[in-house]
């Protein structure tokens, strides 16, 4: 196998089916964890600040940070001017839980 062939194999993008499957698995992972569901509900359609979320969920700061980072990396959550808000994907998830 030539180096160019190997480069071509490494550059292959996932198929549409694989991409959709990965999105569904990520959404399932987000929705199946009780802390993430709690955060998504607490943020709701209108958003909330970190202090509001910590007070309403009674989560430890480290637990809060871990799960909000998961939701941000999964594109379910944004932080804009110190306010956490759901993305379009996050709102879809909120509708399902």
Protein backbone atom coordinates (compact mmCIF):
# COMPACT_ATOMS: atom_id res chain seq x y z
CA UNK A 1 0.00 0.00 0.00
CA UNK A 2 1.39 3.39 -0.96
CA UNK A 3 1.52 6.36 1.38
CA UNK A 4 -1.05 8.16 -0.78
CA UNK A 5 -3.44 5.22 -0.44
CA UNK A 6 -3.01 5.24 3.33
CA UNK A 7 -3.63 9.00 3.44
CA UNK A 8 -6.82 8.51 1.40
CA UNK A 9 -8.04 5.86 3.84
CA UNK A 10 -7.36 8.11 6.82
CA UNK A 11 -9.14 11.07 5.22
CA UNK A 12 -12.38 9.17 4.58
CA UNK A 13 -15.36 10.88 6.18
CA UNK A 14 -18.08 8.82 7.87
CA UNK A 15 -21.07 7.93 5.74
CA UNK A 16 -24.40 9.68 6.28
CA UNK A 17 -25.67 6.57 8.05
CA UNK A 18 -22.65 6.50 10.39
CA UNK A 19 -23.01 10.23 11.10
CA UNK A 20 -26.71 9.91 11.96
CA UNK A 21 -26.02 6.87 14.13
CA UNK A 22 -23.31 8.78 16.03
CA UNK A 23 -25.69 11.73 16.56
CA UNK A 24 -28.39 9.42 17.91
CA UNK A 25 -25.94 7.70 20.24
CA UNK A 26 -24.76 11.06 21.57
CA UNK A 27 -28.35 12.24 22.12
CA UNK A 28 -29.14 8.98 23.90
CA UNK A 29 -26.05 9.37 26.09
CA UNK A 30 -27.09 12.93 26.97
CA UNK A 31 -30.73 12.03 27.70
CA UNK A 32 -30.06 8.81 29.58
CA UNK A 33 -28.00 10.38 32.37
CA UNK A 34 -30.13 11.74 35.25
CA UNK A 35 -27.83 14.71 35.96
CA UNK A 36 -27.85 15.78 32.31
CA UNK A 37 -31.64 15.48 32.16
CA UNK A 38 -31.86 17.57 35.33
CA UNK A 39 -29.62 20.26 33.81
CA UNK A 40 -31.51 20.32 30.51
CA UNK A 41 -34.83 20.73 32.33
CA UNK A 42 -33.41 23.42 34.64
CA UNK A 43 -32.03 25.42 31.71
CA UNK A 44 -35.27 25.03 29.79
CA UNK A 45 -36.29 27.22 26.88
CA UNK A 46 -35.26 30.48 28.56
CA UNK A 47 -31.78 29.61 29.86
CA UNK A 48 -30.22 30.17 33.27
CA UNK A 49 -27.03 31.44 34.86
CA UNK A 50 -24.51 29.14 36.51
CA UNK A 51 -25.52 30.31 39.99
CA UNK A 52 -29.21 29.71 39.22
CA UNK A 53 -28.44 26.22 37.96
CA UNK A 54 -26.22 25.33 40.90
CA UNK A 55 -28.91 26.51 43.30
CA UNK A 56 -31.82 24.77 41.58
CA UNK A 57 -30.01 21.47 40.94
CA UNK A 58 -27.92 21.41 44.14
CA UNK A 59 -25.03 19.89 42.17
CA UNK A 60 -21.40 19.96 43.22
CA UNK A 61 -19.29 22.37 41.09
CA UNK A 62 -17.15 19.53 39.68
CA UNK A 63 -20.18 17.45 38.72
CA UNK A 64 -21.81 20.54 37.19
CA UNK A 65 -18.68 21.33 35.16
CA UNK A 66 -18.28 17.75 33.90
CA UNK A 67 -21.86 17.44 32.66
CA UNK A 68 -22.16 20.94 31.21
CA UNK A 69 -18.93 20.38 29.26
CA UNK A 70 -20.39 17.14 27.89
CA UNK A 71 -23.52 19.00 26.79
CA UNK A 72 -21.50 21.86 25.27
CA UNK A 73 -19.20 19.47 23.37
CA UNK A 74 -22.27 17.60 22.11
CA UNK A 75 -23.72 20.89 20.87
CA UNK A 76 -26.76 20.70 23.16
CA UNK A 77 -25.78 23.73 25.22
CA UNK A 78 -24.20 27.19 24.75
CA UNK A 79 -22.86 29.76 27.18
CA UNK A 80 -23.53 33.33 26.11
CA UNK A 81 -22.62 36.18 28.46
CA UNK A 82 -22.64 33.94 31.57
CA UNK A 83 -26.01 32.43 30.65
CA UNK A 84 -26.45 28.78 29.75
CA UNK A 85 -28.95 28.21 26.96
CA UNK A 86 -30.02 25.20 24.94
CA UNK A 87 -29.14 24.97 21.26
CA UNK A 88 -31.63 23.67 18.70
CA UNK A 89 -30.42 20.15 19.47
CA UNK A 90 -30.81 20.85 23.18
CA UNK A 91 -34.40 22.02 22.72
CA UNK A 92 -35.17 18.86 20.73
CA UNK A 93 -33.74 16.85 23.61
CA UNK A 94 -35.79 18.84 26.14
CA UNK A 95 -38.95 17.97 24.19
CA UNK A 96 -38.09 14.25 24.50
CA UNK A 97 -37.42 14.10 28.24
